[in-house]
Amino acid sequence: MNHEAIYALYSNVVSVDDTAGAMDKDGNKIDIDLVAVAAWVDPTAYKRQRAAEYPPMTDYLDGVVKGDQAQIDKYIADCLAVKAKYPKG
């Protein structure tokens, strides 16, 4: 069960248990549309995906310190490639 999707789609849900289901603040079970939950796409997933693939910033700083423009340009190109691979929304 995608807890993050349930919390995003149902503002009255305060807890989710894979066995018991989704509950409101009073402990009442909330009926969940599992099709909608399965179809939900995290609008911020790109942030985690990008962070995992960006090159280390030390590569950029090393290029700056050495005055190596080719290294700086490569770092920027690598970052832009990651951004293209994981676009916003």
Protein backbone atom coordinates (compact mmCIF):
# COMPACT_ATOMS: atom_id res chain seq x y z
CA MET A 1 0.00 0.00 0.00
CA ASN A 2 1.45 3.35 -1.03
CA HIS A 3 1.20 5.36 2.19
CA GLU A 4 2.55 8.55 0.63
CA ALA A 5 -0.13 8.46 -2.08
CA ILE A 6 -2.89 7.88 0.47
CA TYR A 7 -1.78 10.84 2.59
CA ALA A 8 -1.56 13.02 -0.54
CA LEU A 9 -4.99 12.02 -1.85
CA TYR A 10 -6.91 11.89 1.44
CA SER A 11 -6.34 14.88 3.69
CA ASN A 12 -8.42 13.38 6.51
CA VAL A 13 -6.17 10.30 6.86
CA VAL A 14 -3.93 10.45 9.91
CA SER A 15 -2.61 6.88 9.93
CA VAL A 16 -2.19 4.04 7.46
CA ASP A 17 -1.62 0.41 8.33
CA ASP A 18 -1.07 -2.20 5.63
CA THR A 19 -3.42 -4.58 7.44
CA ALA A 20 -6.00 -2.31 9.08
CA GLY A 21 -6.19 0.30 6.32
CA ALA A 22 -6.44 4.09 6.49
CA MET A 23 -7.86 5.80 9.57
CA ASP A 24 -9.05 9.29 10.37
CA LYS A 25 -8.29 11.18 13.60
CA ASP A 26 -11.14 9.40 15.41
CA GLY A 27 -9.94 5.95 14.39
CA ASN A 28 -12.66 5.49 11.77
CA LYS A 29 -11.69 3.49 8.72
CA ILE A 30 -11.62 5.48 5.47
CA ASP A 31 -12.46 3.80 2.19
CA ILE A 32 -9.58 4.20 -0.23
CA ASP A 33 -9.79 4.08 -4.01
CA LEU A 34 -6.90 1.71 -4.72
CA VAL A 35 -6.97 2.54 -8.43
CA ALA A 36 -6.40 6.22 -7.66
CA VAL A 37 -3.67 5.32 -5.17
CA ALA A 38 -1.94 3.10 -7.74
CA ALA A 39 -2.19 5.83 -10.40
CA TRP A 40 -0.80 8.56 -8.14
CA VAL A 41 2.54 9.96 -9.24
CA ASP A 42 4.70 11.72 -6.67
CA PRO A 43 5.16 15.27 -8.00
CA THR A 44 8.48 15.62 -6.14
CA ALA A 45 10.02 12.27 -7.12
CA TYR A 46 12.33 14.04 -9.55
CA LYS A 47 14.16 15.68 -6.61
CA ARG A 48 15.22 12.35 -5.12
CA GLN A 49 16.06 10.91 -8.52
CA ARG A 50 18.22 13.88 -9.44
CA ALA A 51 20.00 13.98 -6.09
CA ALA A 52 21.00 10.33 -6.49
CA GLU A 53 22.58 10.94 -9.91
CA TYR A 54 24.14 14.39 -9.76
CA PRO A 55 27.94 14.34 -9.93
CA PRO A 56 29.74 15.30 -6.73
CA MET A 57 30.13 19.05 -6.24
CA THR A 58 33.79 18.48 -5.51
CA ASP A 59 34.26 17.82 -9.24
CA TYR A 60 33.07 21.37 -9.96
CA LEU A 61 35.08 22.95 -7.16
CA ASP A 62 38.20 21.08 -8.20
CA GLY A 63 37.79 22.48 -11.71
CA VAL A 64 37.34 26.01 -10.36
CA VAL A 65 40.41 25.79 -8.13
CA LYS A 66 42.55 24.40 -10.96
CA GLY A 67 41.11 26.86 -13.47
CA ASP A 68 40.13 23.87 -15.65
CA GLN A 69 37.26 25.15 -17.78
CA ALA A 70 36.83 21.78 -19.50
CA GLN A 71 36.24 20.12 -16.12
CA ILE A 72 33.75 22.85 -15.13
CA ASP A 73 31.93 22.51 -18.47
CA LYS A 74 31.77 18.72 -18.05
CA TYR A 75 30.28 19.09 -14.57
CA ILE A 76 27.62 21.49 -15.87
CA ALA A 77 26.84 19.20 -18.83
CA ASP A 78 26.51 16.21 -16.49
CA CYS A 79 24.09 18.15 -14.25
CA LEU A 80 22.02 19.26 -17.24
CA ALA A 81 21.85 15.66 -18.47
CA VAL A 82 20.46 14.58 -15.09
CA LYS A 83 17.90 17.41 -15.19
CA ALA A 84 16.84 16.31 -18.69
CA LYS A 85 16.55 12.70 -17.57
CA TYR A 86 14.33 13.63 -14.58
CA PRO A 87 12.27 16.71 -15.56
CA LYS A 88 10.04 18.51 -13.10
CA GLY A 89 6.44 17.30 -13.01
